[in-house]
Amino acid sequence: MKINIQNHHVSLGDETRIDIESKFSKIVSHFPDLVSSDIIITKEHNQHRVEVFTNYEGVRVSAKATESVMYPAIAAALKKLETGLHNRKGQLKADLHAKPTSTKPEIASDIIQEMKLV
């Protein structure tokens, strides 16, 4: 999986990038269809804002988190992303098991009218 990391007003070291990639490897183990992901880390007014975007099965899934410390913000955003991916996966599975539509009317008066008792 390709991870694009952008940072604004924050300097990231190699250890931070490795830490982010290791956290993403856990997500990729549950969702092997992920191809790439974008992470934007911004610091404004002593708050770190982390935004994560990815595409999963044709839908863009995103998550945002804001904390005063960068590492908890990254962890919160990745947890929200994983929750969004699980939600999307559940939607796809629900579509596979759609209930069949009934062709007969369910209302008793409709059934009696079809009988043509006159």
C-alpha atoms as a PDB file:
ATOM      1  CA  MET A   1       0.000   0.000   0.000  1.00  0.00           C
ATOM      2  CA  LYS A   2       1.250   3.435  -0.892  1.00  0.00           C
ATOM      3  CA  ILE A   3       1.014   6.067   1.851  1.00  0.00           C
ATOM      4  CA  ASN A   4       1.315   9.740   0.928  1.00  0.00           C
ATOM      5  CA  ILE A   5       2.149  11.903   3.943  1.00  0.00           C
ATOM      6  CA  GLN A   6       1.853  15.686   3.733  1.00  0.00           C
ATOM      7  CA  ASN A   7       2.734  17.961   6.599  1.00  0.00           C
ATOM      8  CA  HIS A   8       2.036  21.660   7.112  1.00  0.00           C
ATOM      9  CA  HIS A   9       3.861  23.580   9.855  1.00  0.00           C
ATOM     10  CA  VAL A  10       5.061  20.269  11.327  1.00  0.00           C
ATOM     11  CA  SER A  11       8.353  18.484  10.840  1.00  0.00           C
ATOM     12  CA  LEU A  12       8.181  14.704  10.657  1.00  0.00           C
ATOM     13  CA  GLY A  13      11.168  12.479  11.234  1.00  0.00           C
ATOM     14  CA  ASP A  14      11.862   9.052   9.843  1.00  0.00           C
ATOM     15  CA  GLU A  15      10.689   7.417  13.070  1.00  0.00           C
ATOM     16  CA  THR A  16       7.312   9.128  12.803  1.00  0.00           C
ATOM     17  CA  ARG A  17       6.881   7.984   9.210  1.00  0.00           C
ATOM     18  CA  ILE A  18       7.802   4.415  10.175  1.00  0.00           C
ATOM     19  CA  ASP A  19       5.325   4.567  13.069  1.00  0.00           C
ATOM     20  CA  ILE A  20       2.530   5.739  10.753  1.00  0.00           C
ATOM     21  CA  GLU A  21       3.327   3.013   8.234  1.00  0.00           C
ATOM     22  CA  SER A  22       3.308   0.349  10.950  1.00  0.00           C
ATOM     23  CA  LYS A  23      -0.126   1.524  12.121  1.00  0.00           C
ATOM     24  CA  PHE A  24      -1.370   1.388   8.536  1.00  0.00           C
ATOM     25  CA  SER A  25      -0.036  -2.145   8.131  1.00  0.00           C
ATOM     26  CA  LYS A  26      -2.587  -3.265  10.743  1.00  0.00           C
ATOM     27  CA  ILE A  27      -5.393  -1.674   8.728  1.00  0.00           C
ATOM     28  CA  VAL A  28      -4.100  -3.196   5.488  1.00  0.00           C
ATOM     29  CA  SER A  29      -4.140  -6.658   7.065  1.00  0.00           C
ATOM     30  CA  HIS A  30      -7.917  -6.295   7.545  1.00  0.00           C
ATOM     31  CA  PHE A  31      -8.536  -4.552   4.206  1.00  0.00           C
ATOM     32  CA  PRO A  32      -6.112  -5.928   1.583  1.00  0.00           C
ATOM     33  CA  ASP A  33      -7.975  -4.150  -1.257  1.00  0.00           C
ATOM     34  CA  LEU A  34      -6.626  -0.746  -0.201  1.00  0.00           C
ATOM     35  CA  VAL A  35      -4.175   0.621  -2.753  1.00  0.00           C
ATOM     36  CA  SER A  36      -3.191   4.043  -1.452  1.00  0.00           C
ATOM     37  CA  SER A  37      -3.936   6.501   1.298  1.00  0.00           C
ATOM     38  CA  ASP A  38      -3.279  10.196   1.896  1.00  0.00           C
ATOM     39  CA  ILE A  39      -2.458  11.674   5.292  1.00  0.00           C
ATOM     40  CA  ILE A  40      -2.359  15.397   5.946  1.00  0.00           C
ATOM     41  CA  ILE A  41      -0.887  16.541   9.262  1.00  0.00           C
ATOM     42  CA  THR A  42      -1.353  20.234  10.096  1.00  0.00           C
ATOM     43  CA  LYS A  43      -0.490  22.301  13.136  1.00  0.00           C
ATOM     44  CA  GLU A  44      -2.548  25.429  13.733  1.00  0.00           C
ATOM     45  CA  HIS A  45      -3.000  27.310  17.007  1.00  0.00           C
ATOM     46  CA  ASN A  46      -1.158  24.609  19.014  1.00  0.00           C
ATOM     47  CA  GLN A  47      -3.562  21.946  17.753  1.00  0.00           C
ATOM     48  CA  HIS A  48      -2.521  19.057  15.515  1.00  0.00           C
ATOM     49  CA  ARG A  49      -5.122  18.153  12.911  1.00  0.00           C
ATOM     50  CA  VAL A  50      -4.800  14.853  11.084  1.00  0.00           C
ATOM     51  CA  GLU A  51      -6.872  14.024   7.996  1.00  0.00           C
ATOM     52  CA  VAL A  52      -6.774  10.595   6.371  1.00  0.00           C
ATOM     53  CA  PHE A  53      -8.317   9.789   2.966  1.00  0.00           C
ATOM     54  CA  THR A  54      -8.519   6.524   1.067  1.00  0.00           C
ATOM     55  CA  ASN A  55     -10.699   4.826  -1.544  1.00  0.00           C
ATOM     56  CA  TYR A  56     -12.349   1.518  -0.685  1.00  0.00           C
ATOM     57  CA  GLU A  57     -14.552  -0.341  -3.161  1.00  0.00           C
ATOM     58  CA  GLY A  58     -15.361   2.783  -5.168  1.00  0.00           C
ATOM     59  CA  VAL A  59     -16.151   5.080  -2.234  1.00  0.00           C
ATOM     60  CA  ARG A  60     -13.896   7.689  -0.652  1.00  0.00           C
ATOM     61  CA  VAL A  61     -13.520   7.065   3.072  1.00  0.00           C
ATOM     62  CA  SER A  62     -12.081   9.841   5.226  1.00  0.00           C
ATOM     63  CA  ALA A  63     -11.407  10.545   8.888  1.00  0.00           C
ATOM     64  CA  LYS A  64     -10.300  13.611  10.836  1.00  0.00           C
ATOM     65  CA  ALA A  65      -8.971  14.088  14.354  1.00  0.00           C
ATOM     66  CA  THR A  66      -7.691  17.083  16.320  1.00  0.00           C
ATOM     67  CA  GLU A  67      -5.533  16.875  19.445  1.00  0.00           C
ATOM     68  CA  SER A  68      -2.960  19.041  21.186  1.00  0.00           C
ATOM     69  CA  VAL A  69      -0.339  16.281  20.758  1.00  0.00           C
ATOM     70  CA  MET A  70       0.435  14.814  17.329  1.00  0.00           C
ATOM     71  CA  TYR A  71       0.649  11.069  18.104  1.00  0.00           C
ATOM     72  CA  PRO A  72      -2.783  10.750  19.770  1.00  0.00           C
ATOM     73  CA  ALA A  73      -4.257  12.700  16.838  1.00  0.00           C
ATOM     74  CA  ILE A  74      -2.739  10.222  14.384  1.00  0.00           C
ATOM     75  CA  ALA A  75      -4.002   7.265  16.409  1.00  0.00           C
ATOM     76  CA  ALA A  76      -7.515   8.742  16.675  1.00  0.00           C
ATOM     77  CA  ALA A  77      -7.707   9.476  12.938  1.00  0.00           C
ATOM     78  CA  LEU A  78      -6.567   5.965  12.026  1.00  0.00           C
ATOM     79  CA  LYS A  79      -9.077   4.445  14.435  1.00  0.00           C
ATOM     80  CA  LYS A  80     -11.862   6.516  12.843  1.00  0.00           C
ATOM     81  CA  LEU A  81     -10.670   5.448   9.391  1.00  0.00           C
ATOM     82  CA  GLU A  82     -10.763   1.805  10.391  1.00  0.00           C
ATOM     83  CA  THR A  83     -14.301   2.277  11.735  1.00  0.00           C
ATOM     84  CA  GLY A  84     -15.358   3.883   8.448  1.00  0.00           C
ATOM     85  CA  LEU A  85     -13.819   1.034   6.467  1.00  0.00           C
ATOM     86  CA  HIS A  86     -15.646  -1.539   8.610  1.00  0.00           C
ATOM     87  CA  ASN A  87     -18.877   0.386   8.025  1.00  0.00           C
ATOM     88  CA  ARG A  88     -18.336   0.357   4.252  1.00  0.00           C
ATOM     89  CA  LYS A  89     -17.497  -3.344   4.303  1.00  0.00           C
ATOM     90  CA  GLY A  90     -20.729  -3.999   6.212  1.00  0.00           C
ATOM     91  CA  GLN A  91     -22.712  -2.035   3.640  1.00  0.00           C
ATOM     92  CA  LEU A  92     -21.225  -4.125   0.842  1.00  0.00           C
ATOM     93  CA  LYS A  93     -22.055  -7.372   2.633  1.00  0.00           C
ATOM     94  CA  ALA A  94     -25.590  -6.169   3.344  1.00  0.00           C
ATOM     95  CA  ASP A  95     -26.106  -5.517  -0.361  1.00  0.00           C
ATOM     96  CA  LEU A  96     -25.128  -9.112  -1.137  1.00  0.00           C
ATOM     97  CA  HIS A  97     -27.796 -10.450   1.210  1.00  0.00           C
ATOM     98  CA  ALA A  98     -30.686  -8.248   0.142  1.00  0.00           C
ATOM     99  CA  LYS A  99     -34.107  -9.619   0.896  1.00  0.00           C
ATOM    100  CA  PRO A 100     -36.118 -10.788  -2.122  1.00  0.00           C
ATOM    101  CA  THR A 101     -39.056  -8.662  -3.123  1.00  0.00           C
ATOM    102  CA  SER A 102     -42.509 -10.160  -2.933  1.00  0.00           C
ATOM    103  CA  THR A 103     -44.608 -10.258  -6.078  1.00  0.00           C
ATOM    104  CA  LYS A 104     -47.877 -10.970  -4.274  1.00  0.00           C
ATOM    105  CA  PRO A 105     -49.852  -8.259  -2.492  1.00  0.00           C
ATOM    106  CA  GLU A 106     -49.675  -8.514   1.271  1.00  0.00           C
ATOM    107  CA  ILE A 107     -52.928  -6.688   2.040  1.00  0.00           C
ATOM    108  CA  ALA A 108     -55.984  -8.887   2.501  1.00  0.00           C
ATOM    109  CA  SER A 109     -58.310  -6.547   0.578  1.00  0.00           C
ATOM    110  CA  ASP A 110     -56.023  -6.740  -2.459  1.00  0.00           C
ATOM    111  CA  ILE A 111     -56.100 -10.526  -2.310  1.00  0.00           C
ATOM    112  CA  ILE A 112     -59.925 -10.564  -2.135  1.00  0.00           C
ATOM    113  CA  GLN A 113     -60.208  -8.197  -5.111  1.00  0.00           C
ATOM    114  CA  GLU A 114     -57.986 -10.460  -7.183  1.00  0.00           C
ATOM    115  CA  MET A 115     -60.230 -13.433  -6.445  1.00  0.00           C
ATOM    116  CA  LYS A 116     -63.162 -11.896  -8.427  1.00  0.00           C
ATOM    117  CA  LEU A 117     -65.923 -13.428  -6.360  1.00  0.00           C
ATOM    118  CA  VAL A 118     -68.760 -11.698  -8.238  1.00  0.00           C
END
